[in-house]
Amino acid sequence: MIETAAAILAAHRSGRMMPVDTVARCYARLRAHSDPAMFITLRDERAPVTEARELKDSSLPLYGVPVAIKDNIDVAGMPTTAACPAFAYTAQKDATVVARLRAAGAIVIGKTNLDQFATGLNGTRSPYGVPRNPLRPELIPGGSSSGSAVAVSAGIVPLALGTDTAGSGRVPAGLNNIVGLKPSLGLISTYGVVPACRTLDCVSVFALTVDDAWLALSVLAGPDDKDAYSRKRPLGAPVAAPKLTLGVPRAGQRLFFDDRDFEMAYNEALTRIAGLGSVIVEIDVEPFYETARLLYEGPWVAERAIVAKPVLDSAPEALHPVTREIIASGLKPTAMDAFAAFYRLEELRSVADRTFGDVDVLALPTAPTAYTVAQLLSDPIQLNSRLGTYTNFVNLLDLCGLAVPASFTAGGIPFGITLLAPGGRDALLASLGRAFHADTKLPLGAVREPQPA
């Protein structure tokens, strides 16, 4: 059986399988997978089994579906560590997203590993270890939502929550051959989420298919009075594959850092997506690259220092060395620096708005290349920065995003593309993304099962 969320729901509702059996298989797979760095905290199996047994309403949208939660999101009664033991606390209540999952019938299995304080796109910055990429163990898993992406790709759970500020819900999806849905800003509540950059943070969804990701989004989306950044935004619904105008970088602006395999894979992905009826238009992406540079080279890094500063002041040695360096740099920008950056961002937003007057969607590589753990550790800041080439600008410009598997290189490395559109057009991306993913006929995640019909 292909254990997508949709398949599990169908089996539960037909009586072919019971939620308690699904939870038991989930834990059995965990024991067999033997990756101690995937989860930071697992729930004792007896508690999820009891919850599954007590579920009675089979019409619930996630009836008995196991889920994993990134460990910067509160789950009542469990530690929230943000991958920093000195910061850890026991959550008194569920984050809004967790409460909505539970209300929909989902069963929380545990809290997944991450780059400390969600600072990084690589998955190596955690005192709890590096989650093992289930496709190629030598590759980084991607971050910061490393454990969540690995748990879905490895078939442990069909759905997992991550967060996404600079690409943390997209880069791990691309490196694990799964779907990563980054919603429009404010569409999903961030109440109960440890902030990275509170003005930009999103809760993201990892899934094996676009349909599963959309199912989770439909449960999670909606205003929340407890979140000052929550917005009433349209959700809509995916439709048949639309014929769109897709913006792509001009030939001289396509950055792959000498990775010819990824460059070839991107060209092949564009040919495939054009075959679905969309028109490809080359655009000037330099304004998007400039926006991306603002995120870490501008004053937004100061936001990362707000939550972590007490640890930085009291126990700096508790911070990962690279994380400490980045967060400490957030103490330097002045108010004048911030306002100058705000002015420039508004100018860049105007350019982006004009671009989206000419194209419906941007179709970009999810990542420009893939690094091994050894490579990343040898040059942790520059290589991490490269991973954000096509992701860092997205939340600054209030875009929604959908990362979708596209192919495997000749060396067996997964390559994915990300579809981007102005906020509020999440359903448009899902419509195109589900058609594109189906057309690739790629197997699901690392479980190598075929896609459902």
Protein backbone atom coordinates (compact mmCIF):
# COMPACT_ATOMS: atom_id res chain seq x y z
CA MET A 1 0.00 0.00 0.00
CA ILE A 2 1.23 3.50 -0.87
CA GLU A 3 0.94 5.30 2.47
CA THR A 4 0.11 8.78 1.33
CA ALA A 5 -2.30 10.65 3.56
CA ALA A 6 -5.03 10.12 0.97
CA ALA A 7 -4.42 6.35 0.87
CA ILE A 8 -4.39 6.09 4.65
CA LEU A 9 -7.66 8.01 4.88
CA ALA A 10 -9.30 5.79 2.28
CA ALA A 11 -8.17 2.65 4.12
CA HIS A 12 -9.38 3.95 7.48
CA ARG A 13 -12.76 5.03 6.18
CA SER A 14 -13.35 1.75 4.37
CA GLY A 15 -12.44 -0.27 7.44
CA ARG A 16 -9.59 -2.05 5.63
CA MET A 17 -7.22 -0.62 8.20
CA MET A 18 -7.62 0.96 11.63
CA PRO A 19 -5.83 4.10 12.88
CA VAL A 20 -4.20 2.10 15.68
CA ASP A 21 -2.63 -0.19 13.09
CA THR A 22 -1.32 2.78 11.13
CA VAL A 23 0.28 4.28 14.23
CA ALA A 24 1.86 0.92 15.11
CA ARG A 25 3.33 0.62 11.60
CA CYS A 26 4.66 4.15 11.88
CA TYR A 27 6.61 3.27 15.02
CA ALA A 28 7.77 -0.01 13.49
CA ARG A 29 9.21 1.90 10.54
CA LEU A 30 10.91 4.29 12.94
CA ARG A 31 12.64 1.43 14.72
CA ALA A 32 13.69 -0.13 11.43
CA HIS A 33 14.99 3.16 10.01
CA SER A 34 17.40 3.67 12.93
CA ASP A 35 18.21 7.35 12.39
CA PRO A 36 18.60 8.82 15.89
CA ALA A 37 18.96 12.36 14.50
CA MET A 38 15.58 12.49 12.72
CA PHE A 39 13.53 13.26 15.83
CA ILE A 40 14.54 15.25 18.89
CA THR A 41 11.65 13.96 21.01
CA LEU A 42 9.37 11.02 20.26
CA ARG A 43 6.08 10.46 22.04
CA ASP A 44 5.77 7.20 23.91
CA GLU A 45 3.96 4.91 21.49
CA ARG A 46 1.20 4.16 23.97
CA ALA A 47 -0.14 7.72 23.92
CA PRO A 48 -0.62 7.97 20.11
CA VAL A 49 -2.10 4.45 20.08
CA THR A 50 -4.62 5.49 22.70
CA GLU A 51 -5.51 8.63 20.76
CA ALA A 52 -5.94 6.59 17.59
CA ARG A 53 -8.17 4.08 19.37
CA GLU A 54 -10.36 6.88 20.71
CA LEU A 55 -10.99 8.41 17.29
CA LYS A 56 -14.61 7.78 16.31
CA ASP A 57 -15.46 10.24 13.53
CA SER A 58 -14.18 8.78 10.26
CA SER A 59 -15.27 11.91 8.38
CA LEU A 60 -12.48 13.95 9.96
CA PRO A 61 -10.21 15.29 7.18
CA LEU A 62 -7.07 13.70 8.66
CA TYR A 63 -8.72 10.76 10.44
CA GLY A 64 -5.88 8.74 12.00
CA VAL A 65 -3.09 10.21 9.83
CA PRO A 66 0.30 10.27 11.65
CA VAL A 67 2.15 13.59 11.54
CA ALA A 68 5.52 14.91 12.70
CA ILE A 69 6.12 18.43 14.02
CA LYS A 70 9.28 20.51 13.69
CA ASP A 71 10.73 21.18 17.12
CA ASN A 72 10.25 24.93 17.02
CA ILE A 73 6.46 24.43 17.12
CA ASP A 74 4.73 23.83 20.45
CA VAL A 75 3.06 20.51 21.24
CA ALA A 76 1.39 20.51 24.66
CA GLY A 77 3.33 18.54 27.27
CA MET A 78 6.41 18.12 25.06
CA PRO A 79 9.70 20.04 25.09
CA THR A 80 10.22 22.75 22.51
CA THR A 81 13.97 23.02 22.00
CA ALA A 82 14.54 24.84 18.69
CA ALA A 83 17.56 22.47 18.70
CA CYS A 84 19.08 24.34 21.65
CA PRO A 85 18.91 22.49 24.99
CA ALA A 86 19.68 25.69 26.91
CA PHE A 87 16.58 27.30 25.40
CA ALA A 88 14.21 24.35 25.89
CA TYR A 89 10.90 24.62 27.70
CA THR A 90 7.86 22.38 28.07
CA ALA A 91 4.93 23.70 26.06
CA GLN A 92 1.78 24.25 28.10
CA LYS A 93 -0.53 24.14 25.09
CA ASP A 94 -0.52 23.30 21.41
CA ALA A 95 0.45 25.80 18.75
CA THR A 96 -2.58 26.72 16.66
CA VAL A 97 -1.38 24.52 13.80
CA VAL A 98 -1.02 21.51 16.08
CA ALA A 99 -4.44 22.11 17.61
CA ARG A 100 -5.97 22.24 14.12
CA LEU A 101 -4.23 19.03 13.08
CA ARG A 102 -5.50 17.22 16.18
CA ALA A 103 -9.02 18.56 15.65
CA ALA A 104 -8.87 17.16 12.11
CA GLY A 105 -8.00 13.68 13.44
CA ALA A 106 -4.23 13.69 12.96
CA ILE A 107 -1.97 11.83 15.42
CA VAL A 108 1.24 13.57 16.49
CA ILE A 109 4.21 11.17 16.62
CA GLY A 110 7.00 13.46 17.75
CA LYS A 111 9.16 16.56 17.33
CA THR A 112 11.72 16.63 14.52
CA ASN A 113 15.28 17.91 14.34
CA LEU A 114 16.22 21.25 12.77
CA ASP A 115 19.03 23.68 12.22
CA GLN A 116 19.29 25.47 15.56
CA PHE A 117 16.80 28.34 15.89
CA ALA A 118 15.77 27.57 12.30
CA THR A 119 18.94 29.31 11.11
CA GLY A 120 20.31 27.46 8.09
CA LEU A 121 19.25 25.70 4.91
CA ASN A 122 21.47 22.64 5.25
CA GLY A 123 20.45 20.51 8.25
CA THR A 124 23.88 20.19 9.88
CA ARG A 125 23.56 22.85 12.62
CA SER A 126 22.05 20.85 15.46
CA PRO A 127 23.52 19.41 18.66
CA TYR A 128 21.15 16.47 18.12
CA GLY A 129 23.04 15.32 15.03
CA VAL A 130 22.50 15.46 11.28
CA PRO A 131 19.38 13.67 10.01
CA ARG A 132 20.40 11.16 7.36
CA ASN A 133 19.24 11.92 3.82
CA PRO A 134 17.37 8.68 2.99
CA LEU A 135 18.17 8.94 -0.73
CA ARG A 136 21.90 9.53 -0.48
CA PRO A 137 23.33 9.32 3.08
CA GLU A 138 26.34 11.44 2.21
CA LEU A 139 24.13 14.36 1.09
CA ILE A 140 22.89 17.04 3.44
CA PRO A 141 19.20 16.64 4.28
CA GLY A 142 18.54 20.34 3.78
CA GLY A 143 17.30 22.64 6.50
CA SER A 144 16.28 24.12 8.63
CA SER A 145 13.34 21.66 8.59
CA SER A 146 15.67 18.69 8.17
CA GLY A 147 13.98 16.08 10.36
CA SER A 148 10.51 16.79 9.03
CA ALA A 149 11.57 16.41 5.40
CA VAL A 150 13.51 13.22 6.12
CA ALA A 151 10.58 11.72 8.05
CA VAL A 152 8.28 12.17 5.06
CA SER A 153 10.80 11.07 2.43
CA ALA A 154 11.68 7.93 4.41
CA GLY A 155 7.99 7.02 4.69
CA ILE A 156 7.83 7.36 8.48
CA VAL A 157 4.88 9.77 8.26
CA PRO A 158 2.95 11.04 5.24
CA LEU A 159 2.77 14.63 6.52
CA ALA A 160 5.09 16.82 8.57
CA LEU A 161 5.18 20.46 9.55
CA GLY A 162 8.21 22.64 9.01
CA THR A 163 8.75 26.36 9.04
CA ASP A 164 9.97 28.59 6.24
CA THR A 165 11.63 31.98 6.57
CA ALA A 166 14.35 31.80 3.93
CA GLY A 167 13.59 28.49 2.23
CA SER A 168 13.45 25.99 5.09
CA GLY A 169 10.24 24.44 3.78
CA ARG A 170 11.50 24.20 0.19
CA VAL A 171 15.21 23.32 0.09
CA PRO A 172 14.74 20.15 2.22
CA ALA A 173 11.86 19.13 -0.04
CA GLY A 174 14.06 19.44 -3.11
CA LEU A 175 16.88 17.42 -1.56
CA ASN A 176 14.52 14.64 -0.40
CA ASN A 177 12.33 14.17 -3.51
CA ILE A 178 9.16 15.35 -1.78
CA VAL A 179 6.70 18.23 -1.97
CA GLY A 180 7.22 21.36 0.13
CA LEU A 181 4.33 23.82 0.39
CA LYS A 182 5.19 27.32 1.61
CA PRO A 183 1.92 29.20 2.04
CA SER A 184 1.18 32.87 1.58
CA LEU A 185 2.24 34.98 4.56
CA GLY A 186 -0.38 34.91 7.28
CA LEU A 187 -2.46 32.15 5.72
CA ILE A 188 -1.38 29.71 8.46
CA SER A 189 -1.09 30.91 12.06
CA THR A 190 2.37 31.07 13.64
CA TYR A 191 1.00 31.28 17.19
CA GLY A 192 3.03 28.84 19.29
CA VAL A 193 5.98 28.85 16.86
CA VAL A 194 9.43 29.96 18.05
CA PRO A 195 10.14 32.93 15.77
CA ALA A 196 13.12 33.11 13.45
CA CYS A 197 12.08 36.35 11.73
CA ARG A 198 8.58 36.93 13.01
CA THR A 199 7.60 39.30 10.20
CA LEU A 200 8.49 36.67 7.59
CA ASP A 201 7.91 33.26 9.21
CA CYS A 202 5.56 30.69 7.70
CA VAL A 203 4.56 27.21 8.84
CA SER A 204 5.21 24.89 5.89
CA VAL A 205 3.97 21.43 4.92
CA PHE A 206 5.98 18.43 3.70
CA ALA A 207 4.17 15.65 1.87
CA LEU A 208 4.72 12.95 -0.74
CA THR A 209 2.18 14.52 -3.13
CA VAL A 210 0.74 17.94 -3.83
CA ASP A 211 -2.75 16.66 -3.06
CA ASP A 212 -1.65 15.57 0.42
CA ALA A 213 0.04 18.91 1.03
CA TRP A 214 -3.10 20.72 -0.07
CA LEU A 215 -5.23 18.58 2.21
CA ALA A 216 -3.07 19.63 5.16
CA LEU A 217 -3.18 23.27 4.08
CA SER A 218 -6.97 23.18 3.95
CA VAL A 219 -6.96 22.06 7.60
CA LEU A 220 -4.33 24.55 8.75
CA ALA A 221 -5.35 27.70 6.87
CA GLY A 222 -7.48 30.40 8.40
CA PRO A 223 -7.24 33.52 10.56
CA ASP A 224 -6.17 33.29 14.19
CA ASP A 225 -6.87 36.09 16.67
CA LYS A 226 -3.88 34.93 18.72
CA ASP A 227 -1.46 35.69 15.87
CA ALA A 228 -0.97 39.38 15.10
CA TYR A 229 0.46 38.46 11.68
CA SER A 230 -2.47 36.24 10.68
CA ARG A 231 -4.38 37.42 7.61
CA LYS A 232 -7.65 36.63 5.93
CA ARG A 233 -6.44 35.37 2.56
CA PRO A 234 -8.26 33.39 -0.11
CA LEU A 235 -7.57 29.67 -0.21
CA GLY A 236 -9.43 28.47 -3.29
CA ALA A 237 -8.94 24.96 -4.61
CA PRO A 238 -6.69 23.28 -7.19
CA VAL A 239 -8.17 22.80 -10.67
CA ALA A 240 -7.12 21.06 -13.86
CA ALA A 241 -3.65 21.98 -15.09
CA PRO A 242 -3.81 25.65 -16.13
CA LYS A 243 -1.97 27.10 -19.10
CA LEU A 244 0.16 29.87 -17.70
CA THR A 245 2.98 32.24 -18.56
CA LEU A 246 6.03 31.16 -16.57
CA GLY A 247 8.93 33.47 -15.82
CA VAL A 248 12.43 31.98 -15.76
CA PRO A 249 15.88 33.58 -15.40
CA ARG A 250 17.69 34.78 -18.48
CA ALA A 251 20.40 32.39 -19.58
CA GLY A 252 23.21 34.49 -18.09
CA GLN A 253 21.43 34.77 -14.74
CA ARG A 254 20.96 31.07 -14.03
CA LEU A 255 23.18 30.18 -11.09
CA PHE A 256 24.25 26.57 -10.53
CA PHE A 257 27.79 27.05 -9.19
CA ASP A 258 29.27 24.76 -11.85
CA ASP A 259 26.75 21.98 -11.22
CA ARG A 260 26.13 20.92 -14.82
CA ASP A 261 23.79 18.12 -13.77
CA PHE A 262 21.44 20.55 -12.01
CA GLU A 263 21.66 22.97 -14.92
CA MET A 264 20.68 20.20 -17.33
CA ALA A 265 17.91 19.02 -15.01
CA TYR A 266 16.46 22.53 -14.87
CA ASN A 267 16.41 22.83 -18.66
CA GLU A 268 14.67 19.46 -18.88
CA ALA A 269 12.11 20.54 -16.26
CA LEU A 270 11.29 23.66 -18.27
CA THR A 271 10.78 21.56 -21.38
CA ARG A 272 8.45 19.27 -19.42
CA ILE A 273 6.40 22.08 -17.94
CA ALA A 274 6.10 23.78 -21.32
CA GLY A 275 4.76 20.49 -22.64
CA LEU A 276 1.83 20.87 -20.26
CA GLY A 277 0.74 23.99 -22.14
CA SER A 278 2.54 26.80 -20.32
CA VAL A 279 4.55 29.49 -22.09
CA ILE A 280 8.13 30.13 -20.91
CA VAL A 281 9.32 33.75 -20.79
CA GLU A 282 12.81 34.84 -19.75
CA ILE A 283 12.87 37.67 -17.21
CA ASP A 284 15.45 39.78 -15.38
CA VAL A 285 15.82 38.11 -11.97
CA GLU A 286 18.54 40.40 -10.61
CA PRO A 287 15.98 42.38 -8.52
CA PHE A 288 14.96 39.10 -6.90
CA TYR A 289 18.59 38.24 -6.17
CA GLU A 290 19.10 41.70 -4.65
CA THR A 291 16.07 41.16 -2.45
CA ALA A 292 17.52 37.82 -1.33
CA ARG A 293 20.73 39.52 -0.25
CA LEU A 294 18.77 41.83 2.03
CA LEU A 295 17.67 38.92 4.21
CA TYR A 296 21.07 38.07 5.70
CA GLU A 297 23.15 41.04 4.60
CA GLY A 298 20.51 43.52 5.78
CA PRO A 299 18.85 44.28 9.12
CA TRP A 300 16.41 41.36 9.08
CA VAL A 301 19.10 39.27 10.74
CA ALA A 302 18.37 41.38 13.83
CA GLU A 303 15.04 39.59 14.13
CA ARG A 304 16.90 36.32 14.62
CA ALA A 305 18.66 37.79 17.65
CA ILE A 306 15.46 38.64 19.53
CA VAL A 307 14.55 35.10 20.65
CA ALA A 308 18.10 33.76 20.98
CA LYS A 309 19.65 36.76 22.74
CA PRO A 310 19.00 35.47 26.28
CA VAL A 311 20.95 32.31 25.43
CA LEU A 312 23.61 34.37 23.65
CA ASP A 313 24.02 36.48 26.80
CA SER A 314 23.84 33.74 29.44
CA ALA A 315 25.26 30.62 27.76
CA PRO A 316 26.83 31.50 24.39
CA GLU A 317 28.61 28.14 24.30
CA ALA A 318 25.18 26.48 24.05
CA LEU A 319 24.75 27.89 20.56
CA HIS A 320 26.10 26.13 17.50
CA PRO A 321 29.23 28.12 16.46
CA VAL A 322 27.81 29.10 13.07
CA THR A 323 24.41 29.93 14.53
CA ARG A 324 26.08 32.02 17.21
CA GLU A 325 28.04 33.96 14.60
CA ILE A 326 24.92 34.70 12.55
CA ILE A 327 22.77 35.66 15.53
CA ALA A 328 25.51 37.86 17.01
CA SER A 329 25.69 39.75 13.72
CA GLY A 330 22.05 40.66 14.29
CA LEU A 331 23.11 42.91 17.16
CA LYS A 332 24.96 45.25 14.79
CA PRO A 333 22.38 46.89 12.46
CA THR A 334 21.12 50.32 13.48
CA ALA A 335 17.64 51.80 13.12
CA MET A 336 18.99 53.84 10.20
CA ASP A 337 20.16 50.61 8.53
CA ALA A 338 16.71 49.16 9.00
CA PHE A 339 14.85 52.07 7.46
CA ALA A 340 17.25 52.25 4.51
CA ALA A 341 16.62 48.55 3.87
CA PHE A 342 12.85 49.02 4.21
CA TYR A 343 12.96 51.77 1.57
CA ARG A 344 14.96 49.61 -0.82
CA LEU A 345 12.67 46.63 -0.26
CA GLU A 346 9.64 48.68 -1.26
CA GLU A 347 11.41 49.65 -4.48
CA LEU A 348 12.20 46.02 -5.18
CA ARG A 349 8.61 45.01 -4.41
CA SER A 350 7.45 47.44 -7.08
CA VAL A 351 9.77 45.76 -9.59
CA ALA A 352 8.48 42.33 -8.57
CA ASP A 353 4.87 43.50 -8.94
CA ARG A 354 5.60 44.69 -12.47
CA THR A 355 7.22 41.34 -13.25
CA PHE A 356 4.09 39.52 -12.14
CA GLY A 357 2.13 41.78 -14.43
CA ASP A 358 3.88 40.00 -17.31
CA VAL A 359 4.04 36.44 -15.96
CA ASP A 360 1.72 34.33 -13.82
CA VAL A 361 4.29 32.21 -12.02
CA LEU A 362 8.06 31.97 -11.59
CA ALA A 363 9.51 28.50 -12.19
CA LEU A 364 12.94 28.27 -10.56
CA PRO A 365 15.30 25.58 -9.32
CA THR A 366 14.55 24.79 -5.69
CA ALA A 367 18.29 24.73 -5.03
CA PRO A 368 21.16 25.50 -7.42
CA THR A 369 23.16 22.45 -6.39
CA ALA A 370 23.43 19.77 -3.68
CA TYR A 371 26.28 19.40 -1.22
CA THR A 372 27.55 16.52 0.85
CA VAL A 373 27.66 16.86 4.62
CA ALA A 374 31.45 16.95 4.42
CA GLN A 375 31.45 19.75 1.87
CA LEU A 376 29.00 21.80 3.86
CA LEU A 377 30.91 21.43 7.11
CA SER A 378 34.11 22.54 5.39
CA ASP A 379 32.55 25.85 4.28
CA PRO A 380 29.35 26.26 6.29
CA ILE A 381 28.43 29.88 5.60
CA GLN A 382 29.19 30.33 1.91
CA LEU A 383 27.72 27.01 0.79
CA ASN A 384 24.62 27.54 2.93
CA SER A 385 24.21 30.97 1.34
CA ARG A 386 24.30 29.40 -2.12
CA LEU A 387 21.46 27.06 -1.17
CA GLY A 388 19.25 30.11 -0.68
CA THR A 389 19.85 31.56 -4.15
CA TYR A 390 16.29 30.90 -5.30
CA THR A 391 14.55 31.01 -1.91
CA ASN A 392 15.74 33.90 0.27
CA PHE A 393 13.71 36.61 -1.46
CA VAL A 394 10.33 34.86 -1.35
CA ASN A 395 8.91 35.93 2.01
CA LEU A 396 10.35 39.43 1.76
CA LEU A 397 8.22 39.84 -1.39
CA ASP A 398 5.14 38.08 0.08
CA LEU A 399 5.12 35.27 -2.46
CA CYS A 400 3.66 31.79 -2.01
CA GLY A 401 5.72 28.81 -3.09
CA LEU A 402 5.44 25.14 -3.97
CA ALA A 403 8.54 22.93 -4.26
CA VAL A 404 7.95 19.87 -6.45
CA PRO A 405 10.26 16.98 -7.43
CA ALA A 406 11.40 17.17 -11.05
CA SER A 407 13.99 14.46 -11.72
CA PHE A 408 17.09 12.63 -10.57
CA THR A 409 20.51 13.44 -11.98
CA ALA A 410 22.66 10.77 -13.58
CA GLY A 411 24.38 10.46 -10.21
CA GLY A 412 21.11 9.78 -8.41
CA ILE A 413 20.73 13.20 -6.77
CA PRO A 414 17.19 14.58 -6.57
CA PHE A 415 16.43 17.83 -8.38
CA GLY A 416 13.31 19.89 -7.85
CA ILE A 417 11.71 23.08 -9.08
CA THR A 418 9.80 25.69 -7.11
CA LEU A 419 6.76 27.54 -8.41
CA LEU A 420 6.26 31.05 -7.02
CA ALA A 421 3.38 33.49 -7.28
CA PRO A 422 2.09 36.57 -5.44
CA GLY A 423 0.49 35.87 -2.07
CA GLY A 424 -3.05 34.55 -2.26
CA ARG A 425 -2.46 32.38 -5.33
CA ASP A 426 -1.61 29.15 -3.48
CA ALA A 427 -4.29 27.18 -5.35
CA LEU A 428 -2.86 28.26 -8.71
CA LEU A 429 0.53 26.81 -7.76
CA ALA A 430 -1.07 23.57 -6.55
CA SER A 431 -2.96 23.26 -9.83
CA LEU A 432 0.22 23.46 -11.89
CA GLY A 433 2.42 21.60 -9.41
CA ARG A 434 0.22 18.51 -9.16
CA ALA A 435 0.08 18.21 -12.95
CA PHE A 436 3.84 18.66 -13.28
CA HIS A 437 4.65 16.12 -10.55
CA ALA A 438 2.32 13.55 -12.07
CA ASP A 439 3.91 14.07 -15.47
CA THR A 440 7.38 13.28 -14.10
CA LYS A 441 6.19 9.81 -13.00
CA LEU A 442 8.85 9.95 -10.30
CA PRO A 443 8.64 7.52 -7.38
CA LEU A 444 7.57 8.98 -4.03
CA GLY A 445 10.27 10.24 -1.70
CA ALA A 446 12.85 7.64 -0.81
CA VAL A 447 10.29 4.86 -0.45
CA ARG A 448 10.41 4.40 -4.23
CA GLU A 449 6.70 3.63 -4.47
CA PRO A 450 4.93 4.79 -7.64
CA GLN A 451 2.76 7.87 -7.54
CA PRO A 452 -0.96 7.21 -7.02
CA ALA A 453 -3.16 7.45 -10.08
